C-alpha atoms as a PDB file:
ATOM      1  CA  MET A   1       0.000   0.000   0.000  1.00  0.00           C
ATOM      2  CA  THR A   2       1.362   3.458  -0.917  1.00  0.00           C
ATOM      3  CA  THR A   3       0.722   6.690   0.964  1.00  0.00           C
ATOM      4  CA  SER A   4      -0.952   9.441  -1.001  1.00  0.00           C
ATOM      5  CA  PRO A   5       1.248  12.557  -1.324  1.00  0.00           C
ATOM      6  CA  ALA A   6      -1.745  14.614  -0.222  1.00  0.00           C
ATOM      7  CA  LEU A   7      -1.598  12.928   3.173  1.00  0.00           C
ATOM      8  CA  LEU A   8       1.980  14.194   3.642  1.00  0.00           C
ATOM      9  CA  THR A   9       0.997  17.832   3.075  1.00  0.00           C
ATOM     10  CA  PRO A  10       0.659  19.659   6.407  1.00  0.00           C
ATOM     11  CA  ALA A  11      -2.669  21.172   7.282  1.00  0.00           C
ATOM     12  CA  LEU A  12      -2.613  24.839   6.327  1.00  0.00           C
ATOM     13  CA  LEU A  13      -4.241  27.788   8.053  1.00  0.00           C
ATOM     14  CA  THR A  14      -5.203  31.046   6.406  1.00  0.00           C
ATOM     15  CA  ILE A  15      -3.932  34.240   8.002  1.00  0.00           C
ATOM     16  CA  GLY A  16      -7.411  34.825   9.435  1.00  0.00           C
ATOM     17  CA  GLU A  17      -7.520  31.365  10.980  1.00  0.00           C
ATOM     18  CA  MET A  18      -4.024  31.849  12.394  1.00  0.00           C
ATOM     19  CA  ALA A  19      -5.058  35.213  13.860  1.00  0.00           C
ATOM     20  CA  ARG A  20      -8.081  33.715  15.611  1.00  0.00           C
ATOM     21  CA  ALA A  21      -6.168  30.705  16.924  1.00  0.00           C
ATOM     22  CA  SER A  22      -3.120  32.656  18.156  1.00  0.00           C
ATOM     23  CA  ALA A  23      -4.760  35.886  19.384  1.00  0.00           C
ATOM     24  CA  LEU A  24      -2.438  37.855  17.093  1.00  0.00           C
ATOM     25  CA  PRO A  25      -4.118  40.479  14.880  1.00  0.00           C
ATOM     26  CA  ILE A  26      -3.748  40.030  11.136  1.00  0.00           C
ATOM     27  CA  SER A  27      -1.750  43.267  11.009  1.00  0.00           C
ATOM     28  CA  ALA A  28       0.662  41.828  13.602  1.00  0.00           C
ATOM     29  CA  LEU A  29       1.107  38.604  11.609  1.00  0.00           C
ATOM     30  CA  ARG A  30       1.964  40.666   8.536  1.00  0.00           C
ATOM     31  CA  PHE A  31       4.428  42.721  10.589  1.00  0.00           C
ATOM     32  CA  TYR A  32       6.157  39.645  12.048  1.00  0.00           C
ATOM     33  CA  ASP A  33       6.391  38.181   8.543  1.00  0.00           C
ATOM     34  CA  LYS A  34       8.098  41.365   7.330  1.00  0.00           C
ATOM     35  CA  GLU A  35      10.497  41.294  10.310  1.00  0.00           C
ATOM     36  CA  GLY A  36      11.328  37.610   9.789  1.00  0.00           C
ATOM     37  CA  VAL A  37       9.998  36.541  13.179  1.00  0.00           C
ATOM     38  CA  LEU A  38       7.153  34.349  11.887  1.00  0.00           C
ATOM     39  CA  VAL A  39       7.382  33.731   8.144  1.00  0.00           C
ATOM     40  CA  PRO A  40       4.387  31.939   6.552  1.00  0.00           C
ATOM     41  CA  HIS A  41       4.841  28.383   5.350  1.00  0.00           C
ATOM     42  CA  SER A  42       3.895  29.551   1.873  1.00  0.00           C
ATOM     43  CA  VAL A  43       2.504  32.551   0.030  1.00  0.00           C
ATOM     44  CA  ASP A  44       0.242  32.179  -3.008  1.00  0.00           C
ATOM     45  CA  PRO A  45       2.163  33.831  -5.871  1.00  0.00           C
ATOM     46  CA  HIS A  46      -1.051  34.962  -7.565  1.00  0.00           C
ATOM     47  CA  THR A  47      -3.200  36.167  -4.665  1.00  0.00           C
ATOM     48  CA  GLY A  48      -0.555  36.954  -2.051  1.00  0.00           C
ATOM     49  CA  TYR A  49      -2.482  34.917   0.527  1.00  0.00           C
ATOM     50  CA  ARG A  50      -0.341  33.726   3.426  1.00  0.00           C
ATOM     51  CA  TRP A  51      -0.624  30.135   4.632  1.00  0.00           C
ATOM     52  CA  TYR A  52       0.587  28.781   7.960  1.00  0.00           C
ATOM     53  CA  THR A  53       0.987  25.273   9.341  1.00  0.00           C
ATOM     54  CA  ASP A  54      -0.342  23.887  12.596  1.00  0.00           C
ATOM     55  CA  ASP A  55       3.269  23.599  13.756  1.00  0.00           C
ATOM     56  CA  GLN A  56       3.646  27.394  13.455  1.00  0.00           C
ATOM     57  CA  LEU A  57       0.670  27.985  15.739  1.00  0.00           C
ATOM     58  CA  ARG A  58       2.781  27.264  18.842  1.00  0.00           C
ATOM     59  CA  ASP A  59       5.309  29.954  17.861  1.00  0.00           C
ATOM     60  CA  ALA A  60       2.489  32.378  17.080  1.00  0.00           C
ATOM     61  CA  ARG A  61       1.032  31.894  20.549  1.00  0.00           C
ATOM     62  CA  LEU A  62       4.471  32.432  22.105  1.00  0.00           C
ATOM     63  CA  ILE A  63       4.841  35.630  20.078  1.00  0.00           C
ATOM     64  CA  ALA A  64       1.401  36.805  21.195  1.00  0.00           C
ATOM     65  CA  GLY A  65       2.411  36.337  24.826  1.00  0.00           C
ATOM     66  CA  MET A  66       5.736  38.121  24.354  1.00  0.00           C
ATOM     67  CA  ARG A  67       3.948  40.947  22.529  1.00  0.00           C
ATOM     68  CA  ARG A  68       1.640  41.459  25.500  1.00  0.00           C
ATOM     69  CA  VAL A  69       4.586  41.969  27.878  1.00  0.00           C
ATOM     70  CA  GLY A  70       6.582  44.183  25.506  1.00  0.00           C
ATOM     71  CA  VAL A  71       9.404  41.855  24.441  1.00  0.00           C
ATOM     72  CA  PRO A  72      11.334  43.627  21.623  1.00  0.00           C
ATOM     73  CA  VAL A  73      11.110  42.053  18.172  1.00  0.00           C
ATOM     74  CA  ARG A  74      14.796  41.095  18.056  1.00  0.00           C
ATOM     75  CA  GLU A  75      14.446  39.351  21.417  1.00  0.00           C
ATOM     76  CA  MET A  76      11.402  37.415  20.171  1.00  0.00           C
ATOM     77  CA  THR A  77      13.551  35.826  17.472  1.00  0.00           C
ATOM     78  CA  ALA A  78      16.213  34.950  20.049  1.00  0.00           C
ATOM     79  CA  VAL A  79      13.602  33.341  22.315  1.00  0.00           C
ATOM     80  CA  LEU A  80      12.150  31.302  19.454  1.00  0.00           C
ATOM     81  CA  THR A  81      15.430  30.138  17.930  1.00  0.00           C
ATOM     82  CA  GLY A  82      18.181  30.801  20.487  1.00  0.00           C
ATOM     83  CA  PRO A  83      19.854  28.331  22.837  1.00  0.00           C
ATOM     84  CA  ASP A  84      18.627  29.797  26.146  1.00  0.00           C
ATOM     85  CA  PRO A  85      15.139  31.302  25.835  1.00  0.00           C
ATOM     86  CA  HIS A  86      14.478  31.297  29.587  1.00  0.00           C
ATOM     87  CA  SER A  87      17.465  33.575  30.286  1.00  0.00           C
ATOM     88  CA  ARG A  88      16.225  36.001  27.641  1.00  0.00           C
ATOM     89  CA  LEU A  89      12.789  36.141  29.235  1.00  0.00           C
ATOM     90  CA  ASP A  90      14.275  36.511  32.727  1.00  0.00           C
ATOM     91  CA  ALA A  91      16.387  39.446  31.509  1.00  0.00           C
ATOM     92  CA  HIS A  92      13.288  41.098  30.035  1.00  0.00           C
ATOM     93  CA  LEU A  93      11.472  40.630  33.346  1.00  0.00           C
ATOM     94  CA  ARG A  94      14.327  42.366  35.174  1.00  0.00           C
ATOM     95  CA  ASN A  95      14.082  45.280  32.734  1.00  0.00           C
ATOM     96  CA  LEU A  96      10.343  45.524  33.406  1.00  0.00           C
ATOM     97  CA  GLU A  97      10.943  45.491  37.164  1.00  0.00           C
ATOM     98  CA  ASP A  98      13.594  48.220  36.851  1.00  0.00           C
ATOM     99  CA  GLY A  99      11.199  50.265  34.727  1.00  0.00           C
ATOM    100  CA  LEU A 100       8.466  49.838  37.314  1.00  0.00           C
ATOM    101  CA  ALA A 101      10.847  50.940  40.071  1.00  0.00           C
ATOM    102  CA  ASP A 102      11.747  54.043  38.043  1.00  0.00           C
ATOM    103  CA  ALA A 103       8.062  54.769  37.425  1.00  0.00           C
ATOM    104  CA  ARG A 104       7.293  54.445  41.141  1.00  0.00           C
ATOM    105  CA  ALA A 105      10.134  56.838  41.996  1.00  0.00           C
ATOM    106  CA  GLU A 106       8.937  59.345  39.410  1.00  0.00           C
ATOM    107  CA  LEU A 107       5.350  59.180  40.625  1.00  0.00           C
ATOM    108  CA  ASP A 108       6.552  59.615  44.210  1.00  0.00           C
ATOM    109  CA  ARG A 109       8.421  62.721  43.087  1.00  0.00           C
ATOM    110  CA  ILE A 110       5.304  64.033  41.318  1.00  0.00           C
ATOM    111  CA  HIS A 111       3.233  63.466  44.457  1.00  0.00           C
ATOM    112  CA  ARG A 112       5.790  65.424  46.477  1.00  0.00           C
ATOM    113  CA  LEU A 113       5.742  68.272  43.972  1.00  0.00           C
ATOM    114  CA  ILE A 114       1.955  68.382  44.180  1.00  0.00           C
ATOM    115  CA  ASP A 115       2.064  68.386  47.966  1.00  0.00           C
ATOM    116  CA  SER A 116       4.750  71.078  48.011  1.00  0.00           C
ATOM    117  CA  ARG A 117       2.648  73.625  46.152  1.00  0.00           C
ATOM    118  CA  PRO A 118       2.975  76.203  48.733  1.00  0.00           C
ATOM    119  CA  THR A 119       1.213  77.687  51.517  1.00  0.00           C
ATOM    120  CA  ALA A 120       3.619  79.445  53.831  1.00  0.00           C
ATOM    121  CA  THR A 121       4.839  76.780  56.222  1.00  0.00           C
ATOM    122  CA  GLY A 122       8.005  75.903  58.107  1.00  0.00           C
ATOM    123  CA  VAL A 123      10.225  73.268  59.662  1.00  0.00           C
ATOM    124  CA  THR A 124      12.619  73.573  62.607  1.00  0.00           C
ATOM    125  CA  LEU A 125      16.162  72.150  62.652  1.00  0.00           C
ATOM    126  CA  ASP A 126      19.133  72.296  64.970  1.00  0.00           C
ATOM    127  CA  SER A 127      21.823  74.551  63.532  1.00  0.00           C
ATOM    128  CA  TRP A 128      24.503  71.880  64.104  1.00  0.00           C
ATOM    129  CA  ASP A 129      22.536  69.449  61.926  1.00  0.00           C
ATOM    130  CA  VAL A 130      22.196  72.126  59.250  1.00  0.00           C
ATOM    131  CA  ARG A 131      25.922  72.946  59.354  1.00  0.00           C
ATOM    132  CA  ARG A 132      26.982  69.291  59.163  1.00  0.00           C
ATOM    133  CA  ALA A 133      24.586  68.627  56.283  1.00  0.00           C
ATOM    134  CA  LEU A 134      25.689  71.656  54.275  1.00  0.00           C
ATOM    135  CA  ASP A 135      29.379  70.923  54.895  1.00  0.00           C
ATOM    136  CA  ALA A 136      28.761  67.494  53.362  1.00  0.00           C
ATOM    137  CA  VAL A 137      27.146  68.779  50.158  1.00  0.00           C
ATOM    138  CA  LEU A 138      28.351  72.295  49.282  1.00  0.00           C
ATOM    139  CA  PHE A 139      31.422  70.934  47.479  1.00  0.00           C
ATOM    140  CA  ALA A 140      29.154  69.667  44.678  1.00  0.00           C
ATOM    141  CA  VAL A 141      27.422  72.996  43.945  1.00  0.00           C
ATOM    142  CA  ASP A 142      28.305  74.396  40.517  1.00  0.00           C
ATOM    143  CA  ALA A 143      28.208  78.132  41.243  1.00  0.00           C
ATOM    144  CA  ASP A 144      28.997  78.988  37.609  1.00  0.00           C
ATOM    145  CA  SER A 145      26.682  76.476  35.948  1.00  0.00           C
ATOM    146  CA  GLU A 146      24.850  77.491  32.791  1.00  0.00           C
ATOM    147  CA  PHE A 147      21.816  75.925  34.487  1.00  0.00           C
ATOM    148  CA  PRO A 148      20.588  78.205  37.309  1.00  0.00           C
ATOM    149  CA  ILE A 149      18.973  75.283  39.157  1.00  0.00           C
ATOM    150  CA  LEU A 150      22.434  73.735  39.727  1.00  0.00           C
ATOM    151  CA  ARG A 151      23.790  76.903  41.381  1.00  0.00           C
ATOM    152  CA  GLY A 152      21.942  76.183  44.607  1.00  0.00           C
ATOM    153  CA  VAL A 153      21.023  73.569  47.199  1.00  0.00           C
ATOM    154  CA  HIS A 154      17.934  71.441  46.740  1.00  0.00           C
ATOM    155  CA  ILE A 155      16.004  71.045  50.008  1.00  0.00           C
ATOM    156  CA  ASP A 156      13.621  68.095  49.823  1.00  0.00           C
ATOM    157  CA  ILE A 157      11.486  67.571  52.929  1.00  0.00           C
ATOM    158  CA  HIS A 158       9.099  64.648  53.266  1.00  0.00           C
ATOM    159  CA  ASP A 159       8.239  61.821  55.668  1.00  0.00           C
ATOM    160  CA  GLY A 160      10.092  63.458  58.563  1.00  0.00           C
ATOM    161  CA  VAL A 161      13.386  63.825  56.663  1.00  0.00           C
ATOM    162  CA  ALA A 162      15.011  66.990  55.318  1.00  0.00           C
ATOM    163  CA  ALA A 163      17.446  66.152  52.521  1.00  0.00           C
ATOM    164  CA  PHE A 164      20.044  68.672  51.326  1.00  0.00           C
ATOM    165  CA  ILE A 165      21.133  67.793  47.776  1.00  0.00           C
ATOM    166  CA  THR A 166      23.642  69.322  45.350  1.00  0.00           C
ATOM    167  CA  THR A 167      25.109  68.351  42.002  1.00  0.00           C
ATOM    168  CA  ASP A 168      27.534  69.744  39.437  1.00  0.00           C
ATOM    169  CA  ARG A 169      26.580  66.941  36.999  1.00  0.00           C
ATOM    170  CA  TYR A 170      29.864  65.134  37.785  1.00  0.00           C
ATOM    171  CA  ARG A 171      29.039  64.610  41.453  1.00  0.00           C
ATOM    172  CA  LEU A 172      25.827  64.430  43.422  1.00  0.00           C
ATOM    173  CA  ALA A 173      25.829  64.822  47.212  1.00  0.00           C
ATOM    174  CA  VAL A 174      23.037  64.067  49.689  1.00  0.00           C
ATOM    175  CA  ALA A 175      22.755  64.737  53.424  1.00  0.00           C
ATOM    176  CA  GLU A 176      19.603  63.720  55.288  1.00  0.00           C
ATOM    177  CA  VAL A 177      18.487  65.161  58.624  1.00  0.00           C
ATOM    178  CA  SER A 178      15.550  63.871  60.671  1.00  0.00           C
ATOM    179  CA  VAL A 179      12.895  66.481  61.464  1.00  0.00           C
ATOM    180  CA  ARG A 180       9.725  66.453  63.533  1.00  0.00           C
ATOM    181  CA  SER A 181       7.406  67.658  60.822  1.00  0.00           C
ATOM    182  CA  ASN A 182       4.808  66.379  58.383  1.00  0.00           C
ATOM    183  CA  LEU A 183       5.803  69.114  55.951  1.00  0.00           C
ATOM    184  CA  THR A 184       6.413  68.207  52.306  1.00  0.00           C
ATOM    185  CA  VAL A 185       8.579  70.681  50.379  1.00  0.00           C
ATOM    186  CA  SER A 186      10.788  70.545  47.300  1.00  0.00           C
ATOM    187  CA  ALA A 187      12.699  73.792  46.710  1.00  0.00           C
ATOM    188  CA  VAL A 188      16.114  75.017  45.554  1.00  0.00           C
ATOM    189  CA  VAL A 189      17.762  77.800  47.572  1.00  0.00           C
ATOM    190  CA  PRO A 190      20.647  79.949  46.273  1.00  0.00           C
ATOM    191  CA  LEU A 191      24.201  79.123  47.339  1.00  0.00           C
ATOM    192  CA  ALA A 192      24.587  82.461  49.153  1.00  0.00           C
ATOM    193  CA  PHE A 193      21.489  81.737  51.257  1.00  0.00           C
ATOM    194  CA  ALA A 194      22.773  78.231  52.060  1.00  0.00           C
ATOM    195  CA  ARG A 195      26.091  79.687  53.244  1.00  0.00           C
ATOM    196  CA  ARG A 196      24.292  82.212  55.456  1.00  0.00           C
ATOM    197  CA  MET A 197      22.161  79.415  56.868  1.00  0.00           C
ATOM    198  CA  ARG A 198      25.280  77.329  57.575  1.00  0.00           C
ATOM    199  CA  ASP A 199      26.660  80.042  59.876  1.00  0.00           C
ATOM    200  CA  ILE A 200      23.525  80.354  62.015  1.00  0.00           C
ATOM    201  CA  VAL A 201      23.889  79.339  65.671  1.00  0.00           C
ATOM    202  CA  GLY A 202      20.921  77.942  67.562  1.00  0.00           C
ATOM    203  CA  VAL A 203      17.587  76.654  66.334  1.00  0.00           C
ATOM    204  CA  VAL A 204      16.775  77.360  62.657  1.00  0.00           C
ATOM    205  CA  THR A 205      13.220  77.541  61.341  1.00  0.00           C
ATOM    206  CA  LEU A 206      12.887  77.352  57.552  1.00  0.00           C
ATOM    207  CA  THR A 207       9.666  78.869  56.247  1.00  0.00           C
ATOM    208  CA  PHE A 208       8.768  78.285  52.603  1.00  0.00           C
ATOM    209  CA  ALA A 209       6.383  80.539  50.694  1.00  0.00           C
ATOM    210  CA  THR A 210       5.387  80.425  47.028  1.00  0.00           C
ATOM    211  CA  ARG A 211       8.647  81.825  45.673  1.00  0.00           C
ATOM    212  CA  SER A 212      10.789  82.515  48.714  1.00  0.00           C
ATOM    213  CA  VAL A 213      12.355  80.979  51.801  1.00  0.00           C
ATOM    214  CA  THR A 214      13.145  82.479  55.202  1.00  0.00           C
ATOM    215  CA  ALA A 215      15.540  81.134  57.829  1.00  0.00           C
ATOM    216  CA  SER A 216      14.590  82.418  61.283  1.00  0.00           C
ATOM    217  CA  TYR A 217      16.912  82.068  64.269  1.00  0.00           C
ATOM    218  CA  PRO A 218      17.332  83.634  67.732  1.00  0.00           C
ATOM    219  CA  GLY A 219      17.909  87.320  67.112  1.00  0.00           C
ATOM    220  CA  GLY A 220      17.078  87.565  63.431  1.00  0.00           C
ATOM    221  CA  SER A 221      16.157  86.073  60.080  1.00  0.00           C
ATOM    222  CA  VAL A 222      17.376  85.949  56.495  1.00  0.00           C
ATOM    223  CA  SER A 223      15.228  85.565  53.375  1.00  0.00           C
ATOM    224  CA  SER A 224      15.864  84.757  49.729  1.00  0.00           C
ATOM    225  CA  PRO A 225      13.991  84.072  46.509  1.00  0.00           C
ATOM    226  CA  LEU A 226      13.946  80.421  45.453  1.00  0.00           C
ATOM    227  CA  ILE A 227      15.638  79.267  42.254  1.00  0.00           C
ATOM    228  CA  GLU A 228      12.807  78.272  39.937  1.00  0.00           C
ATOM    229  CA  ASP A 229      14.503  78.223  36.528  1.00  0.00           C
ATOM    230  CA  GLY A 230      14.690  74.522  35.694  1.00  0.00           C
ATOM    231  CA  GLU A 231      14.101  71.213  37.433  1.00  0.00           C
ATOM    232  CA  PHE A 232      16.594  69.770  39.878  1.00  0.00           C
ATOM    233  CA  PRO A 233      17.741  66.209  39.018  1.00  0.00           C
ATOM    234  CA  ASP A 234      16.105  63.454  41.061  1.00  0.00           C
ATOM    235  CA  HIS A 235      18.846  61.647  42.985  1.00  0.00           C
ATOM    236  CA  ARG A 236      16.576  58.658  43.638  1.00  0.00           C
ATOM    237  CA  ILE A 237      17.042  57.374  40.089  1.00  0.00           C
ATOM    238  CA  LEU A 238      20.649  56.508  40.986  1.00  0.00           C
ATOM    239  CA  ARG A 239      20.757  53.042  42.471  1.00  0.00           C
ATOM    240  CA  GLU A 240      23.736  51.046  43.676  1.00  0.00           C
ATOM    241  CA  ASP A 241      24.066  47.497  42.442  1.00  0.00           C
ATOM    242  CA  ARG A 242      23.493  44.904  45.147  1.00  0.00           C
ATOM    243  CA  GLY A 243      26.694  43.185  44.096  1.00  0.00           C
ATOM    244  CA  ALA A 244      28.808  46.353  44.193  1.00  0.00           C
ATOM    245  CA  THR A 245      32.440  45.991  45.246  1.00  0.00           C
ATOM    246  CA  GLU A 246      33.378  47.848  48.444  1.00  0.00           C
ATOM    247  CA  LEU A 247      36.748  49.580  48.653  1.00  0.00           C
ATOM    248  CA  ARG A 248      38.252  49.930  52.130  1.00  0.00           C
ATOM    249  CA  GLY A 249      41.605  50.199  53.882  1.00  0.00           C
ATOM    250  CA  ASP A 250      44.627  49.971  51.594  1.00  0.00           C
ATOM    251  CA  GLN A 251      42.432  50.128  48.492  1.00  0.00           C
ATOM    252  CA  LEU A 252      40.954  53.439  49.655  1.00  0.00           C
ATOM    253  CA  ALA A 253      44.397  54.799  50.472  1.00  0.00           C
ATOM    254  CA  ALA A 254      45.687  53.898  47.008  1.00  0.00           C
ATOM    255  CA  LEU A 255      42.607  55.362  45.349  1.00  0.00           C
ATOM    256  CA  LEU A 256      42.695  58.675  47.215  1.00  0.00           C
ATOM    257  CA  ASN A 257      46.458  59.181  47.520  1.00  0.00           C
ATOM    258  CA  GLY A 258      47.621  58.232  44.042  1.00  0.00           C
ATOM    259  CA  SER A 259      49.782  60.737  42.166  1.00  0.00           C
ATOM    260  CA  THR A 260      47.952  60.708  38.820  1.00  0.00           C
ATOM    261  CA  GLU A 261      45.015  62.991  37.996  1.00  0.00           C
ATOM    262  CA  THR A 262      42.808  60.033  37.163  1.00  0.00           C
ATOM    263  CA  ALA A 263      42.328  56.739  38.953  1.00  0.00           C
ATOM    264  CA  ILE A 264      41.325  53.327  37.639  1.00  0.00           C
ATOM    265  CA  VAL A 265      39.324  50.873  39.706  1.00  0.00           C
ATOM    266  CA  SER A 266      39.553  47.372  38.220  1.00  0.00           C
ATOM    267  CA  VAL A 267      37.108  44.752  39.512  1.00  0.00           C
ATOM    268  CA  ASP A 268      37.582  41.088  38.659  1.00  0.00           C
ATOM    269  CA  ALA A 269      35.077  38.266  38.356  1.00  0.00           C
ATOM    270  CA  ASP A 270      35.011  37.449  42.075  1.00  0.00           C
ATOM    271  CA  GLY A 271      34.485  41.084  43.111  1.00  0.00           C
ATOM    272  CA  SER A 272      38.065  41.840  44.148  1.00  0.00           C
ATOM    273  CA  ALA A 273      39.394  45.282  43.226  1.00  0.00           C
ATOM    274  CA  LEU A 274      42.760  46.620  42.098  1.00  0.00           C
ATOM    275  CA  ILE A 275      43.633  50.317  42.003  1.00  0.00           C
ATOM    276  CA  ASP A 276      45.564  51.654  38.993  1.00  0.00           C
ATOM    277  CA  PRO A 277      46.726  48.220  37.741  1.00  0.00           C
ATOM    278  CA  ALA A 278      49.856  48.465  35.604  1.00  0.00           C
ATOM    279  CA  ASP A 279      49.003  45.422  33.505  1.00  0.00           C
ATOM    280  CA  VAL A 280      45.924  43.858  31.983  1.00  0.00           C
ATOM    281  CA  VAL A 281      43.848  42.022  34.600  1.00  0.00           C
ATOM    282  CA  PRO A 282      42.990  38.594  33.091  1.00  0.00           C
ATOM    283  CA  ALA A 283      39.742  38.018  34.992  1.00  0.00           C
ATOM    284  CA  GLU A 284      38.609  41.646  34.904  1.00  0.00           C
ATOM    285  CA  ARG A 285      34.823  42.129  34.960  1.00  0.00           C
ATOM    286  CA  PHE A 286      34.874  45.901  34.577  1.00  0.00           C
ATOM    287  CA  ARG A 287      37.018  48.930  35.198  1.00  0.00           C
ATOM    288  CA  VAL A 288      36.003  52.501  35.868  1.00  0.00           C
ATOM    289  CA  LEU A 289      38.004  55.686  35.339  1.00  0.00           C
ATOM    290  CA  VAL A 290      37.418  58.613  37.728  1.00  0.00           C
ATOM    291  CA  ASP A 291      38.787  62.081  38.428  1.00  0.00           C
ATOM    292  CA  ARG A 292      40.933  61.664  41.532  1.00  0.00           C
ATOM    293  CA  GLN A 293      40.637  65.274  42.773  1.00  0.00           C
ATOM    294  CA  ARG A 294      36.837  65.245  42.552  1.00  0.00           C
ATOM    295  CA  LEU A 295      36.854  61.953  44.422  1.00  0.00           C
ATOM    296  CA  ARG A 296      39.082  63.401  47.164  1.00  0.00           C
ATOM    297  CA  GLU A 297      36.728  66.351  47.605  1.00  0.00           C
ATOM    298  CA  ALA A 298      33.711  64.056  47.848  1.00  0.00           C
ATOM    299  CA  ALA A 299      35.449  61.787  50.356  1.00  0.00           C
ATOM    300  CA  ALA A 300      36.696  64.715  52.467  1.00  0.00           C
ATOM    301  CA  ALA A 301      33.154  66.112  52.734  1.00  0.00           C
ATOM    302  CA  GLN A 302      31.792  62.975  54.389  1.00  0.00           C
ATOM    303  CA  PRO A 303      31.318  63.623  58.134  1.00  0.00           C
ATOM    304  CA  GLY A 304      32.188  60.179  59.484  1.00  0.00           C
ATOM    305  CA  ARG A 305      35.451  58.284  59.764  1.00  0.00           C
ATOM    306  CA  ALA A 306      34.480  54.861  58.404  1.00  0.00           C
ATOM    307  CA  LEU A 307      34.686  55.731  54.703  1.00  0.00           C
ATOM    308  CA  VAL A 308      33.470  53.208  52.127  1.00  0.00           C
ATOM    309  CA  ILE A 309      33.528  53.603  48.340  1.00  0.00           C
ATOM    310  CA  ARG A 310      31.439  51.219  46.238  1.00  0.00           C
ATOM    311  CA  ALA A 311      31.962  50.419  42.540  1.00  0.00           C
ATOM    312  CA  SER A 312      29.038  48.953  40.590  1.00  0.00           C
ATOM    313  CA  GLY A 313      30.079  49.038  36.931  1.00  0.00           C
ATOM    314  CA  ALA A 314      32.167  50.675  34.213  1.00  0.00           C
ATOM    315  CA  ALA A 315      29.617  53.363  33.362  1.00  0.00           C
ATOM    316  CA  LEU A 316      27.993  53.629  36.805  1.00  0.00           C
ATOM    317  CA  PRO A 317      28.848  56.189  39.494  1.00  0.00           C
ATOM    318  CA  LEU A 318      31.077  55.420  42.450  1.00  0.00           C
ATOM    319  CA  ALA A 319      29.139  55.663  45.715  1.00  0.00           C
ATOM    320  CA  ILE A 320      30.953  57.408  48.585  1.00  0.00           C
ATOM    321  CA  ARG A 321      29.593  56.807  52.098  1.00  0.00           C
ATOM    322  CA  THR A 322      30.548  56.617  55.740  1.00  0.00           C
ATOM    323  CA  THR A 323      29.025  53.831  57.764  1.00  0.00           C
ATOM    324  CA  ASP A 324      28.548  56.066  60.820  1.00  0.00           C
ATOM    325  CA  TYR A 325      26.238  58.533  58.989  1.00  0.00           C
ATOM    326  CA  ALA A 326      23.685  56.524  57.040  1.00  0.00           C
ATOM    327  CA  GLY A 327      21.895  59.493  55.466  1.00  0.00           C
ATOM    328  CA  TYR A 328      25.067  61.055  54.057  1.00  0.00           C
ATOM    329  CA  PHE A 329      26.442  59.931  50.709  1.00  0.00           C
ATOM    330  CA  SER A 330      27.576  61.153  47.322  1.00  0.00           C
ATOM    331  CA  TYR A 331      27.977  59.785  43.816  1.00  0.00           C
ATOM    332  CA  LEU A 332      30.876  60.432  41.449  1.00  0.00           C
ATOM    333  CA  MET A 333      30.277  59.868  37.753  1.00  0.00           C
ATOM    334  CA  PRO A 334      33.044  58.079  35.813  1.00  0.00           C
ATOM    335  CA  LEU A 335      34.982  60.052  33.233  1.00  0.00           C
ATOM    336  CA  GLN A 336      34.237  57.330  30.702  1.00  0.00           C
ATOM    337  CA  ALA A 337      33.783  53.588  30.437  1.00  0.00           C
ATOM    338  CA  ALA A 338      37.406  52.456  30.686  1.00  0.00           C
ATOM    339  CA  HIS A 339      38.344  49.335  28.726  1.00  0.00           C
ATOM    340  CA  THR A 340      41.316  47.083  28.939  1.00  0.00           C
END
């Protein structure tokens, strides 16, 4: 008995049938054909009709699922044909989670801006807390910046914390002080006002109005317009990698006391770090190039003694902290991604 050739021909689905069975719109099937992600089994040369096999239905359903969660087209092809589809999908999930974290941070910032639309209101701080906080951040003010918003100190008050924040785009410094207040404020004060506030002795009460701020203290007060030209960068978008390498002891000494203008931090596969290696590091995972003088200034501004510097990646900022002042830290951007 012989088998009819017709019985060997796979069952074919029209593009409409494939769309209904896979939950992919016809327009999407045409797009994925054009991009080479899901090419029809055959196309009628006279009518242009696309035909698909039952075997292609599984891939179409996978594509429909990936489309719903925003997998890029090039990644779809890698998932369908590559050697490790699960790793690709896991990486996409991490990107989605990072995006959600960024969205949450941005919405939190928007809520604070809404809440900070002013009525005249104030918060009281101890002058020693104010002085310590400003001493930790004033080094990163760019007094000559072309952007007026960067010529001052951002004061961000919410959830019982007053954060003093500065940046010159190369460095960003943060100092957080606990306050007994439910006030929510986001405002940028001029550098001259911040310096006057730093020299106050006694209790300081900051009162924010629509376009001005007043620092009241025993025996007097000082007022200033706020800087409103521009939007101050949100420091919360900078996150340190959980697997960041910590530099301490001799590594810190080599990093801060080196004689060259720039410093190289080389991190190998097991997280160990070398400072200014003379030769190629065989197991190097990444290296980062930084301005040594800017790093010294950032480190010197930290109020505590237990200095820690953390490196997360070639193009990511170094984090400078002291373990005895948890709310004080700064970030130093790399000069470039340094390669071996």
